[in-house]
Amino acid sequence: MNSEYKRKSFPRIEPQPWDIIFGDDADVDGLDLLSKILVYEPGKRIMPIDALTHPWFDELRDEGMVFPHGNLMPDLFNFS
């Protein structure tokens, strides 16, 4: 152990609501997913498969979804 190490303490910073950070017009589903991903304790964090099936990605699962250049979106998010 490093004998010159001095324990550091950091101030407690209260979390801020997402609407203060991103504004009132932020996407509700996007903020919900973000809040589930940015959880400090790994056991309480959203699982990757649950993140991919989150409603924020629903638009990517729509039949006929196309890229801006016109190509069809591949069937990446069909987990059935």
C-alpha atoms as a PDB file:
ATOM      1  CA  MET A   1       0.000   0.000   0.000  1.00  0.00           C
ATOM      2  CA  ASN A   2       1.196   3.514  -0.773  1.00  0.00           C
ATOM      3  CA  SER A   3       2.243   5.191   2.485  1.00  0.00           C
ATOM      4  CA  GLU A   4       1.753   8.641   0.923  1.00  0.00           C
ATOM      5  CA  TYR A   5      -1.870   7.979   0.033  1.00  0.00           C
ATOM      6  CA  LYS A   6      -4.294  10.320   1.730  1.00  0.00           C
ATOM      7  CA  ARG A   7      -7.954   9.445   1.774  1.00  0.00           C
ATOM      8  CA  LYS A   8     -10.004  11.860  -0.289  1.00  0.00           C
ATOM      9  CA  SER A   9     -13.589  12.698   0.357  1.00  0.00           C
ATOM     10  CA  PHE A  10     -15.855  14.241  -2.213  1.00  0.00           C
ATOM     11  CA  PRO A  11     -18.923  16.352  -1.538  1.00  0.00           C
ATOM     12  CA  ARG A  12     -22.328  14.750  -1.949  1.00  0.00           C
ATOM     13  CA  ILE A  13     -24.007  16.168  -5.032  1.00  0.00           C
ATOM     14  CA  GLU A  14     -27.751  15.732  -5.279  1.00  0.00           C
ATOM     15  CA  PRO A  15     -29.064  14.435  -8.602  1.00  0.00           C
ATOM     16  CA  GLN A  16     -30.757  16.934 -10.877  1.00  0.00           C
ATOM     17  CA  PRO A  17     -33.977  16.173 -12.779  1.00  0.00           C
ATOM     18  CA  TRP A  18     -33.437  15.365 -16.454  1.00  0.00           C
ATOM     19  CA  ASP A  19     -35.731  18.204 -17.575  1.00  0.00           C
ATOM     20  CA  ILE A  20     -33.341  20.724 -15.988  1.00  0.00           C
ATOM     21  CA  ILE A  21     -30.401  19.177 -17.853  1.00  0.00           C
ATOM     22  CA  PHE A  22     -32.061  18.516 -21.230  1.00  0.00           C
ATOM     23  CA  GLY A  23     -35.038  20.888 -21.181  1.00  0.00           C
ATOM     24  CA  ASP A  24     -38.769  20.267 -21.322  1.00  0.00           C
ATOM     25  CA  ASP A  25     -38.815  19.070 -24.924  1.00  0.00           C
ATOM     26  CA  ALA A  26     -36.557  16.050 -24.305  1.00  0.00           C
ATOM     27  CA  ASP A  27     -37.900  12.654 -25.374  1.00  0.00           C
ATOM     28  CA  VAL A  28     -39.605  10.943 -22.401  1.00  0.00           C
ATOM     29  CA  ASP A  29     -38.677   7.413 -23.529  1.00  0.00           C
ATOM     30  CA  GLY A  30     -35.083   8.468 -24.144  1.00  0.00           C
ATOM     31  CA  LEU A  31     -34.796   9.959 -20.670  1.00  0.00           C
ATOM     32  CA  ASP A  32     -36.354   6.843 -19.157  1.00  0.00           C
ATOM     33  CA  LEU A  33     -33.809   4.603 -20.896  1.00  0.00           C
ATOM     34  CA  LEU A  34     -30.938   6.912 -19.969  1.00  0.00           C
ATOM     35  CA  SER A  35     -31.954   6.906 -16.308  1.00  0.00           C
ATOM     36  CA  LYS A  36     -32.048   3.091 -16.344  1.00  0.00           C
ATOM     37  CA  ILE A  37     -28.598   2.852 -17.947  1.00  0.00           C
ATOM     38  CA  LEU A  38     -26.877   5.424 -15.743  1.00  0.00           C
ATOM     39  CA  VAL A  39     -27.356   3.536 -12.485  1.00  0.00           C
ATOM     40  CA  TYR A  40     -24.287   3.303 -10.264  1.00  0.00           C
ATOM     41  CA  GLU A  41     -24.948  -0.175  -8.872  1.00  0.00           C
ATOM     42  CA  PRO A  42     -24.515  -2.740 -11.680  1.00  0.00           C
ATOM     43  CA  GLY A  43     -27.110  -5.109 -10.196  1.00  0.00           C
ATOM     44  CA  LYS A  44     -29.769  -2.399 -10.401  1.00  0.00           C
ATOM     45  CA  ARG A  45     -28.835  -1.303 -13.939  1.00  0.00           C
ATOM     46  CA  ILE A  46     -31.043  -2.286 -16.899  1.00  0.00           C
ATOM     47  CA  MET A  47     -29.947  -5.516 -18.586  1.00  0.00           C
ATOM     48  CA  PRO A  48     -28.675  -5.114 -22.182  1.00  0.00           C
ATOM     49  CA  ILE A  49     -31.508  -7.156 -23.742  1.00  0.00           C
ATOM     50  CA  ASP A  50     -34.055  -5.098 -21.785  1.00  0.00           C
ATOM     51  CA  ALA A  51     -32.371  -1.906 -22.998  1.00  0.00           C
ATOM     52  CA  LEU A  52     -32.626  -3.088 -26.616  1.00  0.00           C
ATOM     53  CA  THR A  53     -36.320  -3.889 -26.209  1.00  0.00           C
ATOM     54  CA  HIS A  54     -37.060  -0.537 -24.539  1.00  0.00           C
ATOM     55  CA  PRO A  55     -39.819   1.546 -26.186  1.00  0.00           C
ATOM     56  CA  TRP A  56     -37.254   4.180 -27.214  1.00  0.00           C
ATOM     57  CA  PHE A  57     -36.116   1.763 -29.954  1.00  0.00           C
ATOM     58  CA  ASP A  58     -39.669   0.957 -31.176  1.00  0.00           C
ATOM     59  CA  GLU A  59     -39.284   3.132 -34.274  1.00  0.00           C
ATOM     60  CA  LEU A  60     -36.404   0.920 -35.423  1.00  0.00           C
ATOM     61  CA  ARG A  61     -38.685  -2.123 -35.267  1.00  0.00           C
ATOM     62  CA  ASP A  62     -41.369  -0.622 -37.521  1.00  0.00           C
ATOM     63  CA  GLU A  63     -41.883  -2.544 -40.760  1.00  0.00           C
ATOM     64  CA  GLY A  64     -40.727  -0.507 -43.711  1.00  0.00           C
ATOM     65  CA  MET A  65     -38.368   1.668 -41.657  1.00  0.00           C
ATOM     66  CA  VAL A  66     -35.780   3.150 -44.005  1.00  0.00           C
ATOM     67  CA  PHE A  67     -32.440   4.881 -43.571  1.00  0.00           C
ATOM     68  CA  PRO A  68     -32.261   8.543 -44.642  1.00  0.00           C
ATOM     69  CA  HIS A  69     -30.682   7.467 -47.954  1.00  0.00           C
ATOM     70  CA  GLY A  70     -33.660   5.176 -48.693  1.00  0.00           C
ATOM     71  CA  ASN A  71     -32.334   1.673 -47.912  1.00  0.00           C
ATOM     72  CA  LEU A  72     -34.506  -0.514 -45.736  1.00  0.00           C
ATOM     73  CA  MET A  73     -33.477  -0.952 -42.120  1.00  0.00           C
ATOM     74  CA  PRO A  74     -32.166  -4.501 -41.490  1.00  0.00           C
ATOM     75  CA  ASP A  75     -34.171  -6.655 -39.102  1.00  0.00           C
ATOM     76  CA  LEU A  76     -31.799  -5.999 -36.189  1.00  0.00           C
ATOM     77  CA  PHE A  77     -34.264  -5.482 -33.365  1.00  0.00           C
ATOM     78  CA  ASN A  78     -36.624  -8.411 -33.948  1.00  0.00           C
ATOM     79  CA  PHE A  79     -36.012 -10.547 -30.878  1.00  0.00           C
ATOM     80  CA  SER A  80     -38.960 -12.884 -31.370  1.00  0.00           C
END
